[in-house]
Amino acid sequence: MRRRPPQIIAICGGSGSGKSTLARKFVGAAVLATDSFYKDIDDLKPREDGTFDFDHPDAVDLDECADACIKLADGEDIMIPVYEMRSAKRVGQQVVPAPTNSIVVIEGIYAFHNPLHEIATLRIFIDTPIDQRMARRLRRDVERGRSTLESIQYSLHVEEAYSRYVEPMRHLADLILMGEEMRGSFSL
């Protein structure tokens, strides 16, 4: 039996848009999140005020992420970093098995940035209204132990980064889905 040619599907959209939800709908696919490839805080250059900009694409090792996608597409099991947001450090590794159907899904706010854009065979942008994204983000943050005020303040910063780094990549999409259109499962 012939193996299908590998597909690398990039899913991009704002925080809380439904990227992870959509990625999980690809049954049998290997799913990676760009969030797993954040650099350790020790490897980031601080801003002039001494703080760090985790919402800039340079905070994520997109080359390492692309290499992981390619290995999965080639049928290899891989090890990826486990990143802990609270400490801003990589705290270990986890195995991601090769896909059972030659589909690799990479989801994240920077999934359309190079080199991920270059290796993707299909690019999906999820366009979800800001009020829905902020409500989802608030709910998720509170579930993860953040205070409501802390989450709202953080969300405002995230939306600024969305306008600067994510929304301008929308035109690269092969397919644009409205957040409410994502029902059922997908197959290629």
Foldseek 3Di string as FASTA:
>chain_A
DDADQAAEEEEAEAAQLCQVVQQVLAPQAFEAEQVLFFAAPVPADADPVRHGDCLDPVRGPVVVVVVCQVCLLVQAWDKTFHADPVNSHGDGIDITGRGPRNYYYYYYNCCCPPPNVVRHPAYEYEAEDPVSNLVSQLVVVVVVPDDSVVSVVVSVVSVVSCVVRRVVSVVSHPYYHYSVVDDHHDYD
